Amino acid sequence: MWGKVSAATTTATAMDAKEAEEVLRRRNGELEKAVAEAAAREERLRRELEAALARLAVAEEAEERLCVQLGELEADAVAEAVQHQRRVRELSDRLAFMDGVIRSSGSCSTAAAAAMD
């Protein structure tokens, strides 16, 4: 009787070991698949990050060029404003001079006309 129990127990143990081994193989396959998917996802994210960094570098370079251009335009605008201000002063001075000439010639001719009367 012990021989029969022992054989049955050995067979059951062998079956349990085979089932356990199959479960472990399946689980190992699932884990390997998950690792492969994670590696693929990591590689995709790495490529996306590299692309984003490349776009950032281009944007920073464009920003730098725009800042330089803006600085040049501001300098030009200041220079032009100084020129316009100088021109306005020149014209104001000429206008004041001409106004003085007209006033003095008008008062002279009025005085001369009064003296003639």
PDB file of N, CA and C in Angstrom:
ATOM      1  N   MET A   1       0.810  -1.178   0.000  1.00  0.00           N
ATOM      2  CA  MET A   1       0.000   0.000   0.000  1.00  0.00           C
ATOM      3  C   MET A   1       0.862   1.253   0.000  1.00  0.00           C
ATOM      4  N   TRP A   2       1.948   1.203   0.745  1.00  0.00           N
ATOM      5  CA  TRP A   2       2.823   2.351   0.759  1.00  0.00           C
ATOM      6  C   TRP A   2       3.449   2.584  -0.601  1.00  0.00           C
ATOM      7  N   GLY A   3       3.665   1.514  -1.325  1.00  0.00           N
ATOM      8  CA  GLY A   3       4.235   1.636  -2.654  1.00  0.00           C
ATOM      9  C   GLY A   3       3.298   2.365  -3.588  1.00  0.00           C
ATOM     10  N   LYS A   4       1.992   2.050  -3.452  1.00  0.00           N
ATOM     11  CA  LYS A   4       1.005   2.714  -4.295  1.00  0.00           C
ATOM     12  C   LYS A   4       0.868   4.184  -3.912  1.00  0.00           C
ATOM     13  N   VAL A   5       0.884   4.455  -2.650  1.00  0.00           N
ATOM     14  CA  VAL A   5       0.764   5.844  -2.191  1.00  0.00           C
ATOM     15  C   VAL A   5       1.999   6.614  -2.610  1.00  0.00           C
ATOM     16  N   SER A   6       3.126   5.994  -2.458  1.00  0.00           N
ATOM     17  CA  SER A   6       4.380   6.634  -2.797  1.00  0.00           C
ATOM     18  C   SER A   6       4.456   6.922  -4.293  1.00  0.00           C
ATOM     19  N   ALA A   7       4.013   6.013  -5.110  1.00  0.00           N
ATOM     20  CA  ALA A   7       4.017   6.216  -6.561  1.00  0.00           C
ATOM     21  C   ALA A   7       3.033   7.309  -6.933  1.00  0.00           C
ATOM     22  N   ALA A   8       1.878   7.296  -6.294  1.00  0.00           N
ATOM     23  CA  ALA A   8       0.873   8.324  -6.579  1.00  0.00           C
ATOM     24  C   ALA A   8       1.380   9.688  -6.126  1.00  0.00           C
ATOM     25  N   THR A   9       2.009   9.693  -4.990  1.00  0.00           N
ATOM     26  CA  THR A   9       2.548  10.952  -4.472  1.00  0.00           C
ATOM     27  C   THR A   9       3.659  11.459  -5.379  1.00  0.00           C
ATOM     28  N   THR A  10       4.516  10.589  -5.841  1.00  0.00           N
ATOM     29  CA  THR A  10       5.608  10.964  -6.737  1.00  0.00           C
ATOM     30  C   THR A  10       5.040  11.486  -8.046  1.00  0.00           C
ATOM     31  N   THR A  11       3.999  10.816  -8.553  1.00  0.00           N
ATOM     32  CA  THR A  11       3.374  11.266  -9.806  1.00  0.00           C
ATOM     33  C   THR A  11       2.728  12.628  -9.604  1.00  0.00           C
ATOM     34  N   ALA A  12       2.044  12.803  -8.482  1.00  0.00           N
ATOM     35  CA  ALA A  12       1.392  14.085  -8.189  1.00  0.00           C
ATOM     36  C   ALA A  12       2.441  15.174  -8.027  1.00  0.00           C
ATOM     37  N   THR A  13       3.525  14.861  -7.371  1.00  0.00           N
ATOM     38  CA  THR A  13       4.597  15.841  -7.172  1.00  0.00           C
ATOM     39  C   THR A  13       5.231  16.207  -8.510  1.00  0.00           C
ATOM     40  N   ALA A  14       5.427  15.179  -9.354  1.00  0.00           N
ATOM     41  CA  ALA A  14       5.990  15.425 -10.681  1.00  0.00           C
ATOM     42  C   ALA A  14       5.051  16.296 -11.489  1.00  0.00           C
ATOM     43  N   MET A  15       3.729  16.077 -11.386  1.00  0.00           N
ATOM     44  CA  MET A  15       2.733  16.880 -12.113  1.00  0.00           C
ATOM     45  C   MET A  15       2.738  18.305 -11.572  1.00  0.00           C
ATOM     46  N   ASP A  16       2.792  18.428 -10.244  1.00  0.00           N
ATOM     47  CA  ASP A  16       2.829  19.766  -9.642  1.00  0.00           C
ATOM     48  C   ASP A  16       4.084  20.513 -10.077  1.00  0.00           C
ATOM     49  N   ALA A  17       5.205  19.829 -10.146  1.00  0.00           N
ATOM     50  CA  ALA A  17       6.461  20.451 -10.573  1.00  0.00           C
ATOM     51  C   ALA A  17       6.371  20.898 -12.023  1.00  0.00           C
ATOM     52  N   LYS A  18       5.753  20.039 -12.881  1.00  0.00           N
ATOM     53  CA  LYS A  18       5.592  20.423 -14.293  1.00  0.00           C
ATOM     54  C   LYS A  18       4.657  21.619 -14.415  1.00  0.00           C
ATOM     55  N   GLU A  19       3.551  21.621 -13.660  1.00  0.00           N
ATOM     56  CA  GLU A  19       2.621  22.753 -13.694  1.00  0.00           C
ATOM     57  C   GLU A  19       3.293  24.024 -13.182  1.00  0.00           C
ATOM     58  N   ALA A  20       4.046  23.893 -12.107  1.00  0.00           N
ATOM     59  CA  ALA A  20       4.757  25.045 -11.554  1.00  0.00           C
ATOM     60  C   ALA A  20       5.776  25.566 -12.558  1.00  0.00           C
ATOM     61  N   GLU A  21       6.471  24.647 -13.218  1.00  0.00           N
ATOM     62  CA  GLU A  21       7.454  25.048 -14.219  1.00  0.00           C
ATOM     63  C   GLU A  21       6.767  25.757 -15.378  1.00  0.00           C
ATOM     64  N   GLU A  22       5.607  25.259 -15.793  1.00  0.00           N
ATOM     65  CA  GLU A  22       4.850  25.888 -16.881  1.00  0.00           C
ATOM     66  C   GLU A  22       4.371  27.283 -16.467  1.00  0.00           C
ATOM     67  N   VAL A  23       3.887  27.396 -15.229  1.00  0.00           N
ATOM     68  CA  VAL A  23       3.444  28.696 -14.720  1.00  0.00           C
ATOM     69  C   VAL A  23       4.628  29.670 -14.706  1.00  0.00           C
ATOM     70  N   LEU A  24       5.785  29.206 -14.242  1.00  0.00           N
ATOM     71  CA  LEU A  24       6.980  30.048 -14.204  1.00  0.00           C
ATOM     72  C   LEU A  24       7.432  30.447 -15.605  1.00  0.00           C
ATOM     73  N   ARG A  25       7.342  29.524 -16.556  1.00  0.00           N
ATOM     74  CA  ARG A  25       7.710  29.851 -17.945  1.00  0.00           C
ATOM     75  C   ARG A  25       6.777  30.920 -18.508  1.00  0.00           C
ATOM     76  N   ARG A  26       5.460  30.725 -18.248  1.00  0.00           N
ATOM     77  CA  ARG A  26       4.474  31.711 -18.718  1.00  0.00           C
ATOM     78  C   ARG A  26       4.749  33.083 -18.090  1.00  0.00           C
ATOM     79  N   ARG A  27       4.972  33.070 -16.788  1.00  0.00           N
ATOM     80  CA  ARG A  27       5.228  34.327 -16.064  1.00  0.00           C
ATOM     81  C   ARG A  27       6.530  34.969 -16.571  1.00  0.00           C
ATOM     82  N   ASN A  28       7.543  34.158 -16.797  1.00  0.00           N
ATOM     83  CA  ASN A  28       8.808  34.653 -17.324  1.00  0.00           C
ATOM     84  C   ASN A  28       8.599  35.272 -18.711  1.00  0.00           C
ATOM     85  N   GLY A  29       7.790  34.615 -19.527  1.00  0.00           N
ATOM     86  CA  GLY A  29       7.482  35.156 -20.861  1.00  0.00           C
ATOM     87  C   GLY A  29       6.755  36.487 -20.757  1.00  0.00           C
ATOM     88  N   GLU A  30       5.808  36.572 -19.830  1.00  0.00           N
ATOM     89  CA  GLU A  30       5.075  37.836 -19.629  1.00  0.00           C
ATOM     90  C   GLU A  30       6.021  38.942 -19.170  1.00  0.00           C
ATOM     91  N   LEU A  31       6.912  38.604 -18.244  1.00  0.00           N
ATOM     92  CA  LEU A  31       7.868  39.599 -17.752  1.00  0.00           C
ATOM     93  C   LEU A  31       8.832  40.040 -18.845  1.00  0.00           C
ATOM     94  N   GLU A  32       9.286  39.093 -19.678  1.00  0.00           N
ATOM     95  CA  GLU A  32      10.177  39.446 -20.788  1.00  0.00           C
ATOM     96  C   GLU A  32       9.463  40.356 -21.779  1.00  0.00           C
ATOM     97  N   LYS A  33       8.188  40.070 -22.019  1.00  0.00           N
ATOM     98  CA  LYS A  33       7.404  40.916 -22.924  1.00  0.00           C
ATOM     99  C   LYS A  33       7.240  42.317 -22.321  1.00  0.00           C
ATOM    100  N   ALA A  34       6.977  42.389 -21.016  1.00  0.00           N
ATOM    101  CA  ALA A  34       6.836  43.686 -20.350  1.00  0.00           C
ATOM    102  C   ALA A  34       8.146  44.464 -20.393  1.00  0.00           C
ATOM    103  N   VAL A  35       9.272  43.778 -20.206  1.00  0.00           N
ATOM    104  CA  VAL A  35      10.579  44.430 -20.269  1.00  0.00           C
ATOM    105  C   VAL A  35      10.832  44.955 -21.680  1.00  0.00           C
ATOM    106  N   ALA A  36      10.505  44.173 -22.684  1.00  0.00           N
ATOM    107  CA  ALA A  36      10.703  44.600 -24.079  1.00  0.00           C
ATOM    108  C   ALA A  36       9.828  45.818 -24.388  1.00  0.00           C
ATOM    109  N   GLU A  37       8.582  45.790 -23.922  1.00  0.00           N
ATOM    110  CA  GLU A  37       7.691  46.933 -24.146  1.00  0.00           C
ATOM    111  C   GLU A  37       8.211  48.176 -23.435  1.00  0.00           C
ATOM    112  N   ALA A  38       8.693  48.004 -22.203  1.00  0.00           N
ATOM    113  CA  ALA A  38       9.245  49.140 -21.459  1.00  0.00           C
ATOM    114  C   ALA A  38      10.474  49.701 -22.163  1.00  0.00           C
ATOM    115  N   ALA A  39      11.318  48.823 -22.684  1.00  0.00           N
ATOM    116  CA  ALA A  39      12.515  49.270 -23.401  1.00  0.00           C
ATOM    117  C   ALA A  39      12.124  50.027 -24.670  1.00  0.00           C
ATOM    118  N   ALA A  40      11.125  49.540 -25.371  1.00  0.00           N
ATOM    119  CA  ALA A  40      10.667  50.222 -26.587  1.00  0.00           C
ATOM    120  C   ALA A  40      10.073  51.585 -26.233  1.00  0.00           C
ATOM    121  N   ARG A  41       9.300  51.626 -25.159  1.00  0.00           N
ATOM    122  CA  ARG A  41       8.698  52.886 -24.715  1.00  0.00           C
ATOM    123  C   ARG A  41       9.802  53.868 -24.295  1.00  0.00           C
ATOM    124  N   GLU A  42      10.799  53.372 -23.588  1.00  0.00           N
ATOM    125  CA  GLU A  42      11.922  54.218 -23.169  1.00  0.00           C
ATOM    126  C   GLU A  42      12.663  54.772 -24.383  1.00  0.00           C
ATOM    127  N   GLU A  43      12.893  53.943 -25.375  1.00  0.00           N
ATOM    128  CA  GLU A  43      13.579  54.396 -26.589  1.00  0.00           C
ATOM    129  C   GLU A  43      12.756  55.452 -27.324  1.00  0.00           C
ATOM    130  N   ARG A  44      11.436  55.240 -27.402  1.00  0.00           N
ATOM    131  CA  ARG A  44      10.551  56.217 -28.058  1.00  0.00           C
ATOM    132  C   ARG A  44      10.599  57.543 -27.305  1.00  0.00           C
ATOM    133  N   LEU A  45      10.526  57.477 -25.981  1.00  0.00           N
ATOM    134  CA  LEU A  45      10.576  58.693 -25.178  1.00  0.00           C
ATOM    135  C   LEU A  45      11.933  59.387 -25.300  1.00  0.00           C
ATOM    136  N   ARG A  46      13.005  58.611 -25.399  1.00  0.00           N
ATOM    137  CA  ARG A  46      14.339  59.186 -25.579  1.00  0.00           C
ATOM    138  C   ARG A  46      14.400  59.944 -26.907  1.00  0.00           C
ATOM    139  N   ARG A  47      13.854  59.339 -27.972  1.00  0.00           N
ATOM    140  CA  ARG A  47      13.851  60.011 -29.282  1.00  0.00           C
ATOM    141  C   ARG A  47      13.009  61.290 -29.218  1.00  0.00           C
ATOM    142  N   GLU A  48      11.858  61.219 -28.548  1.00  0.00           N
ATOM    143  CA  GLU A  48      11.008  62.412 -28.409  1.00  0.00           C
ATOM    144  C   GLU A  48      11.739  63.502 -27.628  1.00  0.00           C
ATOM    145  N   LEU A  49      12.445  63.113 -26.575  1.00  0.00           N
ATOM    146  CA  LEU A  49      13.203  64.075 -25.777  1.00  0.00           C
ATOM    147  C   LEU A  49      14.308  64.712 -26.616  1.00  0.00           C
ATOM    148  N   GLU A  50      15.025  63.906 -27.392  1.00  0.00           N
ATOM    149  CA  GLU A  50      16.075  64.443 -28.250  1.00  0.00           C
ATOM    150  C   GLU A  50      15.500  65.413 -29.278  1.00  0.00           C
ATOM    151  N   ALA A  51      14.342  65.077 -29.832  1.00  0.00           N
ATOM    152  CA  ALA A  51      13.698  65.972 -30.802  1.00  0.00           C
ATOM    153  C   ALA A  51      13.279  67.275 -30.121  1.00  0.00           C
ATOM    154  N   ALA A  52      12.735  67.159 -28.907  1.00  0.00           N
ATOM    155  CA  ALA A  52      12.319  68.359 -28.170  1.00  0.00           C
ATOM    156  C   ALA A  52      13.533  69.228 -27.835  1.00  0.00           C
ATOM    157  N   LEU A  53      14.635  68.604 -27.465  1.00  0.00           N
ATOM    158  CA  LEU A  53      15.851  69.364 -27.173  1.00  0.00           C
ATOM    159  C   LEU A  53      16.382  70.053 -28.427  1.00  0.00           C
ATOM    160  N   ALA A  54      16.280  69.384 -29.558  1.00  0.00           N
ATOM    161  CA  ALA A  54      16.717  69.995 -30.822  1.00  0.00           C
ATOM    162  C   ALA A  54      15.836  71.208 -31.158  1.00  0.00           C
ATOM    163  N   ARG A  55      14.518  71.049 -30.970  1.00  0.00           N
ATOM    164  CA  ARG A  55      13.604  72.177 -31.213  1.00  0.00           C
ATOM    165  C   ARG A  55      13.890  73.327 -30.255  1.00  0.00           C
ATOM    166  N   LEU A  56      14.196  72.996 -29.020  1.00  0.00           N
ATOM    167  CA  LEU A  56      14.528  74.022 -28.025  1.00  0.00           C
ATOM    168  C   LEU A  56      15.783  74.782 -28.434  1.00  0.00           C
ATOM    169  N   ALA A  57      16.787  74.067 -28.908  1.00  0.00           N
ATOM    170  CA  ALA A  57      18.025  74.721 -29.346  1.00  0.00           C
ATOM    171  C   ALA A  57      17.743  75.671 -30.506  1.00  0.00           C
ATOM    172  N   VAL A  58      16.909  75.249 -31.443  1.00  0.00           N
ATOM    173  CA  VAL A  58      16.553  76.103 -32.585  1.00  0.00           C
ATOM    174  C   VAL A  58      15.800  77.337 -32.094  1.00  0.00           C
ATOM    175  N   ALA A  59      14.873  77.131 -31.159  1.00  0.00           N
ATOM    176  CA  ALA A  59      14.094  78.258 -30.630  1.00  0.00           C
ATOM    177  C   ALA A  59      14.987  79.237 -29.877  1.00  0.00           C
ATOM    178  N   GLU A  60      15.941  78.719 -29.095  1.00  0.00           N
ATOM    179  CA  GLU A  60      16.857  79.598 -28.367  1.00  0.00           C
ATOM    180  C   GLU A  60      17.729  80.398 -29.326  1.00  0.00           C
ATOM    181  N   GLU A  61      18.185  79.754 -30.382  1.00  0.00           N
ATOM    182  CA  GLU A  61      19.003  80.454 -31.372  1.00  0.00           C
ATOM    183  C   GLU A  61      18.184  81.539 -32.072  1.00  0.00           C
ATOM    184  N   ALA A  62      16.942  81.221 -32.415  1.00  0.00           N
ATOM    185  CA  ALA A  62      16.065  82.208 -33.057  1.00  0.00           C
ATOM    186  C   ALA A  62      15.797  83.373 -32.109  1.00  0.00           C
ATOM    187  N   GLU A  63      15.581  83.063 -30.837  1.00  0.00           N
ATOM    188  CA  GLU A  63      15.346  84.114 -29.851  1.00  0.00           C
ATOM    189  C   GLU A  63      16.563  85.031 -29.747  1.00  0.00           C
ATOM    190  N   GLU A  64      17.738  84.435 -29.751  1.00  0.00           N
ATOM    191  CA  GLU A  64      18.965  85.225 -29.674  1.00  0.00           C
ATOM    192  C   GLU A  64      19.103  86.136 -30.883  1.00  0.00           C
ATOM    193  N   ARG A  65      18.826  85.590 -32.076  1.00  0.00           N
ATOM    194  CA  ARG A  65      18.903  86.422 -33.284  1.00  0.00           C
ATOM    195  C   ARG A  65      17.891  87.558 -33.228  1.00  0.00           C
ATOM    196  N   LEU A  66      16.679  87.253 -32.756  1.00  0.00           N
ATOM    197  CA  LEU A  66      15.651  88.297 -32.658  1.00  0.00           C
ATOM    198  C   LEU A  66      16.054  89.381 -31.664  1.00  0.00           C
ATOM    199  N   CYS A  67      16.673  88.976 -30.557  1.00  0.00           N
ATOM    200  CA  CYS A  67      17.126  89.965 -29.570  1.00  0.00           C
ATOM    201  C   CYS A  67      18.192  90.872 -30.171  1.00  0.00           C
ATOM    202  N   VAL A  68      19.097  90.301 -30.938  1.00  0.00           N
ATOM    203  CA  VAL A  68      20.134  91.102 -31.591  1.00  0.00           C
ATOM    204  C   VAL A  68      19.488  92.069 -32.575  1.00  0.00           C
ATOM    205  N   GLN A  69      18.556  91.571 -33.373  1.00  0.00           N
ATOM    206  CA  GLN A  69      17.875  92.429 -34.342  1.00  0.00           C
ATOM    207  C   GLN A  69      17.094  93.534 -33.637  1.00  0.00           C
ATOM    208  N   LEU A  70      16.430  93.186 -32.547  1.00  0.00           N
ATOM    209  CA  LEU A  70      15.668  94.184 -31.797  1.00  0.00           C
ATOM    210  C   LEU A  70      16.609  95.250 -31.233  1.00  0.00           C
ATOM    211  N   GLY A  71      17.746  94.833 -30.717  1.00  0.00           N
ATOM    212  CA  GLY A  71      18.726  95.798 -30.213  1.00  0.00           C
ATOM    213  C   GLY A  71      19.206  96.727 -31.308  1.00  0.00           C
ATOM    214  N   GLU A  72      19.462  96.177 -32.488  1.00  0.00           N
ATOM    215  CA  GLU A  72      19.900  97.006 -33.621  1.00  0.00           C
ATOM    216  C   GLU A  72      18.802  97.989 -34.024  1.00  0.00           C
ATOM    217  N   LEU A  73      17.554  97.517 -34.048  1.00  0.00           N
ATOM    218  CA  LEU A  73      16.440  98.400 -34.402  1.00  0.00           C
ATOM    219  C   LEU A  73      16.250  99.507 -33.369  1.00  0.00           C
ATOM    220  N   GLU A  74      16.405  99.149 -32.090  1.00  0.00           N
ATOM    221  CA  GLU A  74      16.297 100.170 -31.043  1.00  0.00           C
ATOM    222  C   GLU A  74      17.395 101.211 -31.192  1.00  0.00           C
ATOM    223  N   ALA A  75      18.618 100.775 -31.476  1.00  0.00           N
ATOM    224  CA  ALA A  75      19.727 101.716 -31.667  1.00  0.00           C
ATOM    225  C   ALA A  75      19.454 102.622 -32.866  1.00  0.00           C
ATOM    226  N   ASP A  76      18.955 102.046 -33.953  1.00  0.00           N
ATOM    227  CA  ASP A  76      18.608 102.844 -35.135  1.00  0.00           C
ATOM    228  C   ASP A  76      17.509 103.850 -34.807  1.00  0.00           C
ATOM    229  N   ALA A  77      16.505 103.406 -34.045  1.00  0.00           N
ATOM    230  CA  ALA A  77      15.389 104.289 -33.685  1.00  0.00           C
ATOM    231  C   ALA A  77      15.872 105.451 -32.821  1.00  0.00           C
ATOM    232  N   VAL A  78      16.777 105.174 -31.883  1.00  0.00           N
ATOM    233  CA  VAL A  78      17.321 106.239 -31.040  1.00  0.00           C
ATOM    234  C   VAL A  78      18.113 107.224 -31.889  1.00  0.00           C
ATOM    235  N   ALA A  79      18.944 106.709 -32.780  1.00  0.00           N
ATOM    236  CA  ALA A  79      19.752 107.580 -33.648  1.00  0.00           C
ATOM    237  C   ALA A  79      18.843 108.439 -34.520  1.00  0.00           C
ATOM    238  N   GLU A  80      17.805 107.832 -35.055  1.00  0.00           N
ATOM    239  CA  GLU A  80      16.875 108.583 -35.898  1.00  0.00           C
ATOM    240  C   GLU A  80      16.123 109.631 -35.088  1.00  0.00           C
ATOM    241  N   ALA A  81      15.734 109.288 -33.854  1.00  0.00           N
ATOM    242  CA  ALA A  81      15.032 110.247 -32.996  1.00  0.00           C
ATOM    243  C   ALA A  81      15.934 111.432 -32.671  1.00  0.00           C
ATOM    244  N   VAL A  82      17.227 111.173 -32.438  1.00  0.00           N
ATOM    245  CA  VAL A  82      18.178 112.254 -32.166  1.00  0.00           C
ATOM    246  C   VAL A  82      18.300 113.157 -33.387  1.00  0.00           C
ATOM    247  N   GLN A  83      18.368 112.560 -34.578  1.00  0.00           N
ATOM    248  CA  GLN A  83      18.454 113.355 -35.804  1.00  0.00           C
ATOM    249  C   GLN A  83      17.199 114.211 -35.996  1.00  0.00           C
ATOM    250  N   HIS A  84      16.043 113.598 -35.771  1.00  0.00           N
ATOM    251  CA  HIS A  84      14.788 114.354 -35.920  1.00  0.00           C
ATOM    252  C   HIS A  84      14.722 115.490 -34.898  1.00  0.00           C
ATOM    253  N   GLN A  85      15.142 115.206 -33.677  1.00  0.00           N
ATOM    254  CA  GLN A  85      15.121 116.248 -32.656  1.00  0.00           C
ATOM    255  C   GLN A  85      16.051 117.400 -33.032  1.00  0.00           C
ATOM    256  N   ARG A  86      17.237 117.071 -33.545  1.00  0.00           N
ATOM    257  CA  ARG A  86      18.178 118.103 -33.981  1.00  0.00           C
ATOM    258  C   ARG A  86      17.567 118.920 -35.117  1.00  0.00           C
ATOM    259  N   ARG A  87      16.940 118.255 -36.059  1.00  0.00           N
ATOM    260  CA  ARG A  87      16.316 118.946 -37.206  1.00  0.00           C
ATOM    261  C   ARG A  87      15.180 119.859 -36.745  1.00  0.00           C
ATOM    262  N   VAL A  88      14.388 119.380 -35.773  1.00  0.00           N
ATOM    263  CA  VAL A  88      13.300 120.210 -35.250  1.00  0.00           C
ATOM    264  C   VAL A  88      13.870 121.456 -34.571  1.00  0.00           C
ATOM    265  N   ARG A  89      14.983 121.291 -33.811  1.00  0.00           N
ATOM    266  CA  ARG A  89      15.618 122.450 -33.162  1.00  0.00           C
ATOM    267  C   ARG A  89      16.121 123.443 -34.212  1.00  0.00           C
ATOM    268  N   GLU A  90      16.763 122.916 -35.269  1.00  0.00           N
ATOM    269  CA  GLU A  90      17.252 123.795 -36.341  1.00  0.00           C
ATOM    270  C   GLU A  90      16.105 124.574 -36.966  1.00  0.00           C
ATOM    271  N   LEU A  91      15.020 123.873 -37.264  1.00  0.00           N
ATOM    272  CA  LEU A  91      13.873 124.543 -37.882  1.00  0.00           C
ATOM    273  C   LEU A  91      13.234 125.543 -36.923  1.00  0.00           C
ATOM    274  N   SER A  92      13.185 125.207 -35.640  1.00  0.00           N
ATOM    275  CA  SER A  92      12.627 126.137 -34.641  1.00  0.00           C
ATOM    276  C   SER A  92      13.490 127.385 -34.536  1.00  0.00           C
ATOM    277  N   ASP A  93      14.815 127.172 -34.549  1.00  0.00           N
ATOM    278  CA  ASP A  93      15.724 128.326 -34.492  1.00  0.00           C
ATOM    279  C   ASP A  93      15.553 129.208 -35.726  1.00  0.00           C
ATOM    280  N   ARG A  94      15.461 128.587 -36.893  1.00  0.00           N
ATOM    281  CA  ARG A  94      15.260 129.373 -38.134  1.00  0.00           C
ATOM    282  C   ARG A  94      13.947 130.130 -38.092  1.00  0.00           C
ATOM    283  N   LEU A  95      12.919 129.445 -37.595  1.00  0.00           N
ATOM    284  CA  LEU A  95      11.601 130.090 -37.510  1.00  0.00           C
ATOM    285  C   LEU A  95      11.646 131.272 -36.551  1.00  0.00           C
ATOM    286  N   ALA A  96      12.312 131.091 -35.413  1.00  0.00           N
ATOM    287  CA  ALA A  96      12.421 132.186 -34.454  1.00  0.00           C
ATOM    288  C   ALA A  96      13.211 133.353 -35.066  1.00  0.00           C
ATOM    289  N   PHE A  97      14.295 133.030 -35.776  1.00  0.00           N
ATOM    290  CA  PHE A  97      15.090 134.075 -36.423  1.00  0.00           C
ATOM    291  C   PHE A  97      14.249 134.817 -37.454  1.00  0.00           C
ATOM    292  N   MET A  98      13.541 134.074 -38.297  1.00  0.00           N
ATOM    293  CA  MET A  98      12.724 134.707 -39.347  1.00  0.00           C
ATOM    294  C   MET A  98      11.591 135.525 -38.722  1.00  0.00           C
ATOM    295  N   ASP A  99      11.048 135.017 -37.639  1.00  0.00           N
ATOM    296  CA  ASP A  99       9.987 135.773 -36.953  1.00  0.00           C
ATOM    297  C   ASP A  99      10.566 137.079 -36.425  1.00  0.00           C
ATOM    298  N   GLY A 100      11.780 137.020 -35.868  1.00  0.00           N
ATOM    299  CA  GLY A 100      12.435 138.246 -35.382  1.00  0.00           C
ATOM    300  C   GLY A 100      12.710 139.215 -36.512  1.00  0.00           C
ATOM    301  N   VAL A 101      13.151 138.686 -37.661  1.00  0.00           N
ATOM    302  CA  VAL A 101      13.433 139.550 -38.822  1.00  0.00           C
ATOM    303  C   VAL A 101      12.153 140.215 -39.290  1.00  0.00           C
ATOM    304  N   ILE A 102      11.099 139.412 -39.378  1.00  0.00           N
ATOM    305  CA  ILE A 102       9.819 139.965 -39.858  1.00  0.00           C
ATOM    306  C   ILE A 102       9.313 141.014 -38.883  1.00  0.00           C
ATOM    307  N   ARG A 103       9.401 140.743 -37.590  1.00  0.00           N
ATOM    308  CA  ARG A 103       8.915 141.711 -36.593  1.00  0.00           C
ATOM    309  C   ARG A 103       9.756 142.998 -36.630  1.00  0.00           C
ATOM    310  N   SER A 104      11.071 142.815 -36.744  1.00  0.00           N
ATOM    311  CA  SER A 104      11.918 144.013 -36.750  1.00  0.00           C
ATOM    312  C   SER A 104      11.728 144.798 -38.042  1.00  0.00           C
ATOM    313  N   SER A 105      11.564 144.139 -39.154  1.00  0.00           N
ATOM    314  CA  SER A 105      11.352 144.867 -40.400  1.00  0.00           C
ATOM    315  C   SER A 105       9.974 145.498 -40.413  1.00  0.00           C
ATOM    316  N   GLY A 106       9.029 144.874 -39.764  1.00  0.00           N
ATOM    317  CA  GLY A 106       7.683 145.454 -39.678  1.00  0.00           C
ATOM    318  C   GLY A 106       7.671 146.663 -38.782  1.00  0.00           C
ATOM    319  N   SER A 107       8.385 146.657 -37.687  1.00  0.00           N
ATOM    320  CA  SER A 107       8.402 147.800 -36.778  1.00  0.00           C
ATOM    321  C   SER A 107       9.248 148.919 -37.364  1.00  0.00           C
ATOM    322  N   CYS A 108      10.271 148.578 -38.126  1.00  0.00           N
ATOM    323  CA  CYS A 108      11.094 149.606 -38.770  1.00  0.00           C
ATOM    324  C   CYS A 108      10.281 150.340 -39.826  1.00  0.00           C
ATOM    325  N   SER A 109       9.552 149.564 -40.616  1.00  0.00           N
ATOM    326  CA  SER A 109       8.775 150.208 -41.667  1.00  0.00           C
ATOM    327  C   SER A 109       7.627 151.006 -41.069  1.00  0.00           C
ATOM    328  N   THR A 110       7.102 150.559 -39.934  1.00  0.00           N
ATOM    329  CA  THR A 110       6.041 151.336 -39.279  1.00  0.00           C
ATOM    330  C   THR A 110       6.619 152.620 -38.704  1.00  0.00           C
ATOM    331  N   ALA A 111       7.815 152.542 -38.136  1.00  0.00           N
ATOM    332  CA  ALA A 111       8.464 153.730 -37.571  1.00  0.00           C
ATOM    333  C   ALA A 111       8.841 154.703 -38.710  1.00  0.00           C
ATOM    334  N   ALA A 112       9.337 154.147 -39.814  1.00  0.00           N
ATOM    335  CA  ALA A 112       9.719 154.982 -40.960  1.00  0.00           C
ATOM    336  C   ALA A 112       8.483 155.671 -41.542  1.00  0.00           C
ATOM    337  N   ALA A 113       7.411 154.942 -41.634  1.00  0.00           N
ATOM    338  CA  ALA A 113       6.179 155.524 -42.165  1.00  0.00           C
ATOM    339  C   ALA A 113       5.649 156.585 -41.232  1.00  0.00           C
ATOM    340  N   ALA A 114       5.797 156.430 -39.948  1.00  0.00           N
ATOM    341  CA  ALA A 114       5.316 157.414 -38.973  1.00  0.00           C
ATOM    342  C   ALA A 114       6.211 158.660 -39.035  1.00  0.00           C
ATOM    343  N   ALA A 115       7.500 158.461 -39.269  1.00  0.00           N
ATOM    344  CA  ALA A 115       8.420 159.578 -39.340  1.00  0.00           C
ATOM    345  C   ALA A 115       8.167 160.409 -40.598  1.00  0.00           C
ATOM    346  N   MET A 116       7.707 159.753 -41.649  1.00  0.00           N
ATOM    347  CA  MET A 116       7.448 160.443 -42.888  1.00  0.00           C
ATOM    348  C   MET A 116       6.187 161.258 -42.808  1.00  0.00           C
ATOM    349  N   ASP A 117       5.330 160.912 -41.934  1.00  0.00           N
ATOM    350  CA  ASP A 117       4.071 161.667 -41.832  1.00  0.00           C
ATOM    351  C   ASP A 117       4.277 162.920 -41.155  1.00  0.00           C
TER     352      ASP A 117
END
